[in-house]
């Protein structure tokens, strides 16, 4: 299992999720995706994992070694079928590369690839390509400008 990327700090901030199986992968509004990892917790009346991944302002694909299973502009049925393949698969690596920190989440051979859709930080500073809430209440994010951040979830 490995976590590595454009910034060494990003690696350390997400290392604890590696090896944990995803549960409740789902599509939210538009092409937003969420994944839960670790022990179940109630947060604001909703069930989440101690680790929670949200892909929001990024283009993405789900693929295996042979084909693209779904992409962010596919219909909900195609996306739902691909997400079901990720359910209960351990997250074996996270690799972020390039100036935009495009990220590959490897779910034991089925990949979720994310790509930034803007060349600069969004006018809305609360919008990131993806973010992951950690068990300690901090959030690791890859911004639309291609940097990584670590901040308190309530900040």
N, C-alpha and C. Protein backbone atom coordinates (compact mmCIF):
# COMPACT_ATOMS: atom_id res chain seq x y z
N UNK A 1 0.83 -1.17 0.00
CA UNK A 1 0.00 0.00 0.00
C UNK A 1 0.88 1.23 0.00
N UNK A 2 0.49 2.21 -0.80
CA UNK A 2 1.31 3.42 -0.88
C UNK A 2 0.43 4.64 -1.03
N UNK A 3 0.90 5.73 -0.49
CA UNK A 3 0.29 7.04 -0.73
C UNK A 3 1.43 7.95 -1.12
N UNK A 4 1.35 8.53 -2.28
CA UNK A 4 2.39 9.47 -2.66
C UNK A 4 1.82 10.46 -3.64
N UNK A 5 2.51 11.58 -3.78
CA UNK A 5 1.96 12.59 -4.66
C UNK A 5 2.87 13.77 -4.80
N UNK A 6 2.30 14.84 -5.34
CA UNK A 6 3.04 16.04 -5.62
C UNK A 6 3.58 16.72 -4.38
N UNK A 7 2.98 16.51 -3.25
CA UNK A 7 3.44 17.11 -2.02
C UNK A 7 3.56 16.03 -0.96
N UNK A 8 4.75 15.95 -0.34
CA UNK A 8 4.98 14.93 0.67
C UNK A 8 4.01 14.99 1.82
N UNK A 9 3.56 16.20 2.17
CA UNK A 9 2.62 16.34 3.27
C UNK A 9 1.30 15.66 2.95
N UNK A 10 0.86 15.75 1.70
CA UNK A 10 -0.38 15.09 1.30
C UNK A 10 -0.29 13.60 1.60
N UNK A 11 0.84 13.02 1.31
CA UNK A 11 1.08 11.60 1.54
C UNK A 11 0.81 11.25 3.01
N UNK A 12 1.42 11.97 3.88
CA UNK A 12 1.30 11.66 5.30
C UNK A 12 -0.12 11.89 5.81
N UNK A 13 -0.80 12.86 5.28
CA UNK A 13 -2.13 13.21 5.77
C UNK A 13 -3.20 12.17 5.42
N UNK A 14 -2.95 11.34 4.41
CA UNK A 14 -3.95 10.35 4.00
C UNK A 14 -3.52 8.91 4.26
N UNK A 15 -2.32 8.72 4.75
CA UNK A 15 -1.78 7.37 4.93
C UNK A 15 -2.69 6.46 5.76
N UNK A 16 -3.36 6.99 6.76
CA UNK A 16 -4.18 6.18 7.65
C UNK A 16 -5.39 5.51 7.02
N UNK A 17 -5.83 5.99 5.87
CA UNK A 17 -7.00 5.40 5.22
C UNK A 17 -6.62 4.17 4.38
N UNK A 18 -5.35 4.03 4.06
CA UNK A 18 -4.92 2.94 3.19
C UNK A 18 -5.17 1.59 3.85
N UNK A 19 -5.69 0.67 3.07
CA UNK A 19 -6.01 -0.66 3.55
C UNK A 19 -7.44 -0.80 4.03
N UNK A 20 -8.13 0.32 4.23
CA UNK A 20 -9.52 0.26 4.68
C UNK A 20 -10.45 0.06 3.49
N UNK A 21 -11.45 -0.81 3.62
CA UNK A 21 -12.40 -0.98 2.52
C UNK A 21 -13.38 0.19 2.45
N UNK A 22 -13.73 0.56 1.24
CA UNK A 22 -14.74 1.59 1.02
C UNK A 22 -16.11 1.00 1.34
N UNK A 23 -16.99 1.83 1.85
CA UNK A 23 -18.38 1.41 2.01
C UNK A 23 -19.29 2.60 1.68
N UNK A 24 -20.46 2.28 1.25
CA UNK A 24 -21.47 3.25 0.85
C UNK A 24 -20.96 4.24 -0.20
N UNK A 25 -20.32 3.75 -1.27
CA UNK A 25 -19.94 4.67 -2.34
C UNK A 25 -21.22 5.15 -3.03
N UNK A 26 -21.30 6.46 -3.25
CA UNK A 26 -22.54 6.96 -3.86
C UNK A 26 -22.30 8.22 -4.66
N UNK A 27 -23.23 8.44 -5.58
CA UNK A 27 -23.23 9.66 -6.37
C UNK A 27 -24.20 10.63 -5.73
N UNK A 28 -23.75 11.85 -5.52
CA UNK A 28 -24.61 12.88 -4.95
C UNK A 28 -25.15 13.78 -6.04
N UNK A 29 -25.14 15.06 -5.79
CA UNK A 29 -25.59 16.06 -6.74
C UNK A 29 -24.68 16.04 -7.97
N UNK A 30 -25.26 16.03 -9.16
CA UNK A 30 -24.46 16.03 -10.38
C UNK A 30 -23.50 14.87 -10.42
N UNK A 31 -22.21 15.17 -10.55
CA UNK A 31 -21.21 14.11 -10.62
C UNK A 31 -20.41 13.98 -9.32
N UNK A 32 -20.87 14.60 -8.24
CA UNK A 32 -20.18 14.48 -6.95
C UNK A 32 -20.22 13.02 -6.50
N UNK A 33 -19.11 12.55 -5.93
CA UNK A 33 -19.02 11.19 -5.40
C UNK A 33 -18.60 11.25 -3.94
N UNK A 34 -19.11 10.32 -3.13
CA UNK A 34 -18.65 10.19 -1.75
C UNK A 34 -18.37 8.73 -1.44
N UNK A 35 -17.41 8.53 -0.53
CA UNK A 35 -16.99 7.20 -0.10
C UNK A 35 -16.75 7.26 1.40
N UNK A 36 -17.10 6.20 2.10
CA UNK A 36 -16.85 6.09 3.53
C UNK A 36 -15.81 5.00 3.77
N UNK A 37 -15.01 5.19 4.84
CA UNK A 37 -13.97 4.23 5.22
C UNK A 37 -13.91 4.18 6.74
N UNK A 38 -13.59 3.02 7.26
CA UNK A 38 -13.39 2.89 8.70
C UNK A 38 -14.69 2.73 9.46
N UNK A 39 -14.60 2.94 10.78
CA UNK A 39 -15.76 2.75 11.65
C UNK A 39 -16.88 3.73 11.31
N UNK A 40 -18.10 3.24 11.49
CA UNK A 40 -19.28 4.08 11.23
C UNK A 40 -19.46 5.08 12.35
N UNK A 41 -19.82 6.30 11.97
CA UNK A 41 -20.07 7.38 12.92
C UNK A 41 -21.30 8.15 12.49
N UNK A 42 -22.03 8.68 13.47
CA UNK A 42 -23.16 9.55 13.17
C UNK A 42 -22.65 10.98 13.21
N UNK A 43 -22.83 11.70 12.12
CA UNK A 43 -22.42 13.10 12.05
C UNK A 43 -23.59 13.90 11.50
N UNK A 44 -24.14 14.75 12.32
CA UNK A 44 -25.27 15.60 11.91
C UNK A 44 -26.45 14.77 11.41
N UNK A 45 -26.71 13.65 12.07
CA UNK A 45 -27.84 12.81 11.69
C UNK A 45 -27.61 11.96 10.46
N UNK A 46 -26.39 11.92 9.95
CA UNK A 46 -26.05 11.11 8.78
C UNK A 46 -24.93 10.14 9.14
N UNK A 47 -25.01 8.95 8.59
CA UNK A 47 -23.97 7.95 8.84
C UNK A 47 -22.79 8.19 7.90
N UNK A 48 -21.61 8.32 8.50
CA UNK A 48 -20.37 8.49 7.75
C UNK A 48 -19.32 7.57 8.34
N UNK A 49 -18.24 7.38 7.61
CA UNK A 49 -17.11 6.65 8.15
C UNK A 49 -16.19 7.60 8.89
N UNK A 50 -15.27 7.02 9.66
CA UNK A 50 -14.30 7.89 10.33
C UNK A 50 -13.42 8.61 9.30
N UNK A 51 -13.31 8.05 8.11
CA UNK A 51 -12.70 8.71 6.95
C UNK A 51 -13.81 8.90 5.92
N UNK A 52 -13.90 10.08 5.34
CA UNK A 52 -14.96 10.39 4.37
C UNK A 52 -14.34 11.12 3.19
N UNK A 53 -14.44 10.54 1.99
CA UNK A 53 -13.89 11.14 0.77
C UNK A 53 -15.03 11.73 -0.05
N UNK A 54 -14.84 12.98 -0.48
CA UNK A 54 -15.82 13.65 -1.33
C UNK A 54 -15.09 14.20 -2.55
N UNK A 55 -15.46 13.71 -3.74
CA UNK A 55 -14.95 14.24 -5.01
C UNK A 55 -16.02 15.20 -5.48
N UNK A 56 -15.65 16.48 -5.63
CA UNK A 56 -16.69 17.45 -5.98
C UNK A 56 -16.41 18.25 -7.25
N UNK A 57 -15.35 19.00 -7.34
CA UNK A 57 -15.13 19.84 -8.51
C UNK A 57 -14.00 19.27 -9.37
N UNK A 58 -14.20 18.05 -9.80
CA UNK A 58 -13.20 17.37 -10.62
C UNK A 58 -13.91 16.49 -11.64
N UNK A 59 -13.31 16.39 -12.79
CA UNK A 59 -13.74 15.36 -13.73
C UNK A 59 -13.15 14.05 -13.21
N UNK A 60 -13.79 12.94 -13.49
CA UNK A 60 -13.28 11.66 -12.98
C UNK A 60 -13.69 10.52 -13.90
N UNK A 61 -12.95 9.41 -13.74
CA UNK A 61 -13.25 8.14 -14.40
C UNK A 61 -13.05 7.03 -13.40
N UNK A 62 -13.82 5.97 -13.54
CA UNK A 62 -13.60 4.72 -12.82
C UNK A 62 -13.25 3.70 -13.89
N UNK A 63 -12.10 3.01 -13.69
CA UNK A 63 -11.64 2.08 -14.72
C UNK A 63 -10.91 0.91 -14.08
N UNK A 64 -10.86 -0.18 -14.82
CA UNK A 64 -10.00 -1.28 -14.42
C UNK A 64 -8.89 -1.38 -15.46
N UNK A 65 -8.15 -2.44 -15.46
CA UNK A 65 -7.01 -2.56 -16.37
C UNK A 65 -7.43 -2.68 -17.84
N UNK A 66 -8.70 -2.97 -18.10
CA UNK A 66 -9.13 -3.26 -19.46
C UNK A 66 -10.10 -2.25 -20.07
N UNK A 67 -10.81 -1.49 -19.20
CA UNK A 67 -11.82 -0.60 -19.78
C UNK A 67 -12.23 0.50 -18.79
N UNK A 68 -12.81 1.55 -19.35
CA UNK A 68 -13.41 2.59 -18.54
C UNK A 68 -14.80 2.10 -18.14
N UNK A 69 -15.06 2.06 -16.85
CA UNK A 69 -16.34 1.55 -16.34
C UNK A 69 -17.39 2.65 -16.24
N UNK A 70 -16.95 3.86 -15.92
CA UNK A 70 -17.86 5.01 -15.83
C UNK A 70 -17.03 6.28 -15.83
N UNK A 71 -17.67 7.36 -16.25
CA UNK A 71 -17.04 8.68 -16.22
C UNK A 71 -18.07 9.69 -15.71
N UNK A 72 -17.58 10.84 -15.31
CA UNK A 72 -18.42 11.80 -14.60
C UNK A 72 -19.63 12.30 -15.39
N UNK A 73 -19.64 12.18 -16.68
CA UNK A 73 -20.79 12.63 -17.47
C UNK A 73 -21.73 11.50 -17.88
N UNK A 74 -21.47 10.28 -17.43
CA UNK A 74 -22.36 9.16 -17.74
C UNK A 74 -23.66 9.28 -16.97
N UNK A 75 -24.65 8.49 -17.39
CA UNK A 75 -25.92 8.53 -16.65
C UNK A 75 -25.78 7.82 -15.30
N UNK A 76 -26.69 8.07 -14.42
CA UNK A 76 -26.62 7.60 -13.04
C UNK A 76 -26.57 6.07 -12.94
N UNK A 77 -27.22 5.36 -13.85
CA UNK A 77 -27.19 3.89 -13.81
C UNK A 77 -25.79 3.36 -14.08
N UNK A 78 -25.11 3.92 -15.06
CA UNK A 78 -23.74 3.50 -15.39
C UNK A 78 -22.82 3.80 -14.21
N UNK A 79 -22.95 5.00 -13.66
CA UNK A 79 -22.13 5.40 -12.52
C UNK A 79 -22.42 4.50 -11.32
N UNK A 80 -23.69 4.24 -11.06
CA UNK A 80 -24.08 3.38 -9.93
C UNK A 80 -23.49 1.98 -10.05
N UNK A 81 -23.49 1.43 -11.26
CA UNK A 81 -22.92 0.10 -11.46
C UNK A 81 -21.42 0.10 -11.18
N UNK A 82 -20.73 1.13 -11.63
CA UNK A 82 -19.28 1.21 -11.38
C UNK A 82 -19.00 1.41 -9.89
N UNK A 83 -19.79 2.25 -9.24
CA UNK A 83 -19.59 2.47 -7.81
C UNK A 83 -19.81 1.19 -7.01
N UNK A 84 -20.75 0.36 -7.45
CA UNK A 84 -21.01 -0.89 -6.72
C UNK A 84 -19.78 -1.80 -6.75
N UNK A 85 -18.94 -1.68 -7.78
CA UNK A 85 -17.71 -2.48 -7.85
C UNK A 85 -16.68 -2.03 -6.81
N UNK A 86 -16.78 -0.79 -6.35
CA UNK A 86 -15.84 -0.25 -5.37
C UNK A 86 -16.26 -0.56 -3.93
N UNK A 87 -17.53 -0.90 -3.75
CA UNK A 87 -18.04 -1.19 -2.41
C UNK A 87 -17.28 -2.36 -1.79
N UNK A 88 -16.73 -2.15 -0.63
CA UNK A 88 -15.98 -3.14 0.16
C UNK A 88 -14.58 -3.45 -0.38
N UNK A 89 -14.15 -2.71 -1.39
CA UNK A 89 -12.77 -2.88 -1.88
C UNK A 89 -11.84 -2.01 -1.04
N UNK A 90 -10.74 -2.57 -0.59
CA UNK A 90 -9.77 -1.76 0.16
C UNK A 90 -9.11 -0.71 -0.73
N UNK A 91 -8.87 0.45 -0.15
CA UNK A 91 -8.14 1.51 -0.83
C UNK A 91 -6.66 1.20 -0.66
N UNK A 92 -6.00 0.80 -1.74
CA UNK A 92 -4.61 0.34 -1.62
C UNK A 92 -3.58 1.43 -1.87
N UNK A 93 -3.94 2.48 -2.62
CA UNK A 93 -2.99 3.58 -2.80
C UNK A 93 -3.72 4.84 -3.24
N UNK A 94 -3.04 5.95 -2.98
CA UNK A 94 -3.48 7.27 -3.45
C UNK A 94 -2.24 7.92 -4.05
N UNK A 95 -2.32 8.28 -5.32
CA UNK A 95 -1.19 8.89 -6.02
C UNK A 95 -1.67 10.20 -6.63
N UNK A 96 -1.01 11.31 -6.26
CA UNK A 96 -1.32 12.62 -6.82
C UNK A 96 -0.09 13.12 -7.57
N UNK A 97 -0.29 13.51 -8.83
CA UNK A 97 0.85 13.89 -9.67
C UNK A 97 0.56 15.16 -10.47
N UNK A 98 1.64 15.73 -10.95
CA UNK A 98 1.55 16.87 -11.85
C UNK A 98 1.21 18.16 -11.13
N UNK A 99 1.21 19.24 -11.89
CA UNK A 99 0.98 20.55 -11.29
C UNK A 99 -0.43 20.72 -10.73
N UNK A 100 -1.39 19.93 -11.19
CA UNK A 100 -2.77 20.03 -10.69
C UNK A 100 -3.08 18.99 -9.62
N UNK A 101 -2.08 18.16 -9.28
CA UNK A 101 -2.28 17.05 -8.34
C UNK A 101 -3.45 16.16 -8.75
N UNK A 102 -3.50 15.85 -10.06
CA UNK A 102 -4.48 14.85 -10.51
C UNK A 102 -4.24 13.61 -9.67
N UNK A 103 -5.31 12.97 -9.25
CA UNK A 103 -5.19 11.93 -8.23
C UNK A 103 -5.79 10.62 -8.70
N UNK A 104 -5.10 9.52 -8.40
CA UNK A 104 -5.61 8.18 -8.66
C UNK A 104 -5.79 7.50 -7.31
N UNK A 105 -7.03 7.11 -7.04
CA UNK A 105 -7.37 6.32 -5.87
C UNK A 105 -7.49 4.88 -6.36
N UNK A 106 -6.61 4.00 -5.89
CA UNK A 106 -6.60 2.60 -6.33
C UNK A 106 -7.34 1.75 -5.32
N UNK A 107 -8.51 1.29 -5.72
CA UNK A 107 -9.33 0.40 -4.91
C UNK A 107 -9.01 -1.04 -5.32
N UNK A 108 -7.82 -1.49 -4.97
CA UNK A 108 -7.39 -2.86 -5.24
C UNK A 108 -7.64 -3.27 -6.69
N UNK A 109 -7.14 -2.46 -7.61
CA UNK A 109 -7.22 -2.80 -9.03
C UNK A 109 -8.31 -2.08 -9.80
N UNK A 110 -9.25 -1.45 -9.13
CA UNK A 110 -10.24 -0.61 -9.80
C UNK A 110 -9.89 0.83 -9.40
N UNK A 111 -9.65 1.66 -10.41
CA UNK A 111 -9.12 3.00 -10.18
C UNK A 111 -10.18 4.07 -10.30
N UNK A 112 -10.11 5.04 -9.41
CA UNK A 112 -10.86 6.28 -9.55
C UNK A 112 -9.83 7.35 -9.85
N UNK A 113 -9.90 7.92 -11.06
CA UNK A 113 -8.96 8.98 -11.48
C UNK A 113 -9.70 10.31 -11.42
N UNK A 114 -9.09 11.30 -10.77
CA UNK A 114 -9.69 12.63 -10.72
C UNK A 114 -8.79 13.63 -11.44
N UNK A 115 -9.43 14.59 -12.09
CA UNK A 115 -8.74 15.61 -12.88
C UNK A 115 -9.36 16.96 -12.57
N UNK A 116 -8.53 17.94 -12.25
CA UNK A 116 -9.04 19.29 -12.03
C UNK A 116 -9.68 19.84 -13.28
N UNK A 117 -10.69 20.68 -13.10
CA UNK A 117 -11.41 21.25 -14.24
C UNK A 117 -11.17 22.75 -14.38
N UNK A 118 -10.34 23.32 -13.52
CA UNK A 118 -10.01 24.74 -13.62
C UNK A 118 -8.49 24.89 -13.53
N UNK A 119 -7.97 25.96 -14.13
CA UNK A 119 -6.53 26.18 -14.12
C UNK A 119 -6.08 27.04 -12.94
N UNK A 120 -7.03 27.64 -12.24
CA UNK A 120 -6.71 28.50 -11.10
C UNK A 120 -7.67 28.21 -9.96
N UNK A 121 -7.30 28.69 -8.79
CA UNK A 121 -8.17 28.54 -7.62
C UNK A 121 -9.53 29.11 -7.95
N UNK A 122 -10.57 28.42 -7.54
CA UNK A 122 -11.93 28.85 -7.78
C UNK A 122 -12.22 30.15 -7.04
N UNK A 123 -13.13 30.92 -7.58
CA UNK A 123 -13.56 32.15 -6.90
C UNK A 123 -14.19 31.81 -5.55
N UNK A 124 -14.77 30.63 -5.45
CA UNK A 124 -15.34 30.15 -4.19
C UNK A 124 -14.26 29.31 -3.50
N UNK A 125 -13.58 29.88 -2.52
CA UNK A 125 -12.47 29.20 -1.88
C UNK A 125 -12.87 27.93 -1.13
N UNK A 126 -14.16 27.67 -0.97
CA UNK A 126 -14.59 26.47 -0.26
C UNK A 126 -14.70 25.26 -1.19
N UNK A 127 -14.43 25.45 -2.46
CA UNK A 127 -14.58 24.38 -3.44
C UNK A 127 -13.22 23.77 -3.75
N UNK A 128 -13.15 22.45 -3.64
CA UNK A 128 -11.92 21.71 -3.91
C UNK A 128 -12.21 20.61 -4.92
N UNK A 129 -11.15 20.10 -5.57
CA UNK A 129 -11.33 18.95 -6.47
C UNK A 129 -11.81 17.74 -5.68
N UNK A 130 -11.17 17.51 -4.55
CA UNK A 130 -11.61 16.46 -3.64
C UNK A 130 -11.11 16.80 -2.25
N UNK A 131 -11.80 16.26 -1.26
CA UNK A 131 -11.32 16.38 0.11
C UNK A 131 -11.65 15.12 0.88
N UNK A 132 -10.87 14.90 1.93
CA UNK A 132 -11.06 13.73 2.77
C UNK A 132 -11.03 14.15 4.24
N UNK A 133 -12.13 13.87 4.94
CA UNK A 133 -12.19 14.13 6.37
C UNK A 133 -11.52 12.96 7.08
N UNK A 134 -10.64 13.31 8.01
CA UNK A 134 -9.89 12.32 8.78
C UNK A 134 -10.55 12.08 10.13
N UNK A 135 -10.20 10.99 10.81
CA UNK A 135 -10.80 10.71 12.12
C UNK A 135 -10.54 11.80 13.16
N UNK A 136 -9.47 12.58 13.00
CA UNK A 136 -9.15 13.62 13.97
C UNK A 136 -9.89 14.93 13.69
N UNK A 137 -10.82 14.93 12.72
CA UNK A 137 -11.61 16.12 12.43
C UNK A 137 -10.96 17.08 11.47
N UNK A 138 -9.78 16.75 10.98
CA UNK A 138 -9.14 17.60 9.99
C UNK A 138 -9.51 17.13 8.59
N UNK A 139 -9.39 18.04 7.64
CA UNK A 139 -9.74 17.76 6.25
C UNK A 139 -8.52 18.00 5.38
N UNK A 140 -8.17 16.98 4.59
CA UNK A 140 -7.12 17.08 3.58
C UNK A 140 -7.84 17.38 2.27
N UNK A 141 -7.35 18.35 1.52
CA UNK A 141 -8.00 18.71 0.26
C UNK A 141 -6.98 18.96 -0.82
N UNK A 142 -7.38 18.66 -2.06
CA UNK A 142 -6.65 19.09 -3.24
C UNK A 142 -7.51 20.19 -3.86
N UNK A 143 -6.95 21.39 -3.91
CA UNK A 143 -7.70 22.56 -4.36
C UNK A 143 -7.82 22.59 -5.88
N UNK A 144 -8.70 23.45 -6.35
CA UNK A 144 -8.85 23.60 -7.79
C UNK A 144 -7.60 24.18 -8.44
N UNK A 145 -6.72 24.79 -7.63
CA UNK A 145 -5.47 25.34 -8.16
C UNK A 145 -4.32 24.34 -8.12
N UNK A 146 -4.57 23.13 -7.61
CA UNK A 146 -3.54 22.10 -7.60
C UNK A 146 -2.61 22.15 -6.42
N UNK A 147 -3.09 22.60 -5.29
CA UNK A 147 -2.29 22.53 -4.07
C UNK A 147 -3.05 21.67 -3.07
N UNK A 148 -2.34 21.20 -2.05
CA UNK A 148 -3.03 20.43 -1.02
C UNK A 148 -3.07 21.26 0.25
N UNK A 149 -4.13 21.06 1.02
CA UNK A 149 -4.30 21.78 2.28
C UNK A 149 -4.70 20.80 3.37
N UNK A 150 -4.46 21.21 4.60
CA UNK A 150 -4.94 20.48 5.78
C UNK A 150 -5.53 21.53 6.69
N UNK A 151 -6.80 21.35 7.06
CA UNK A 151 -7.45 22.33 7.94
C UNK A 151 -8.47 21.62 8.81
N UNK A 152 -8.89 22.30 9.86
CA UNK A 152 -9.96 21.78 10.71
C UNK A 152 -11.26 21.75 9.90
N UNK A 153 -12.06 20.72 10.11
CA UNK A 153 -13.31 20.58 9.38
C UNK A 153 -14.26 21.74 9.68
N UNK A 154 -14.17 22.30 10.86
CA UNK A 154 -15.08 23.38 11.23
C UNK A 154 -14.54 24.76 10.89
N UNK A 155 -13.38 24.81 10.23
CA UNK A 155 -12.78 26.12 9.89
C UNK A 155 -13.43 26.72 8.66
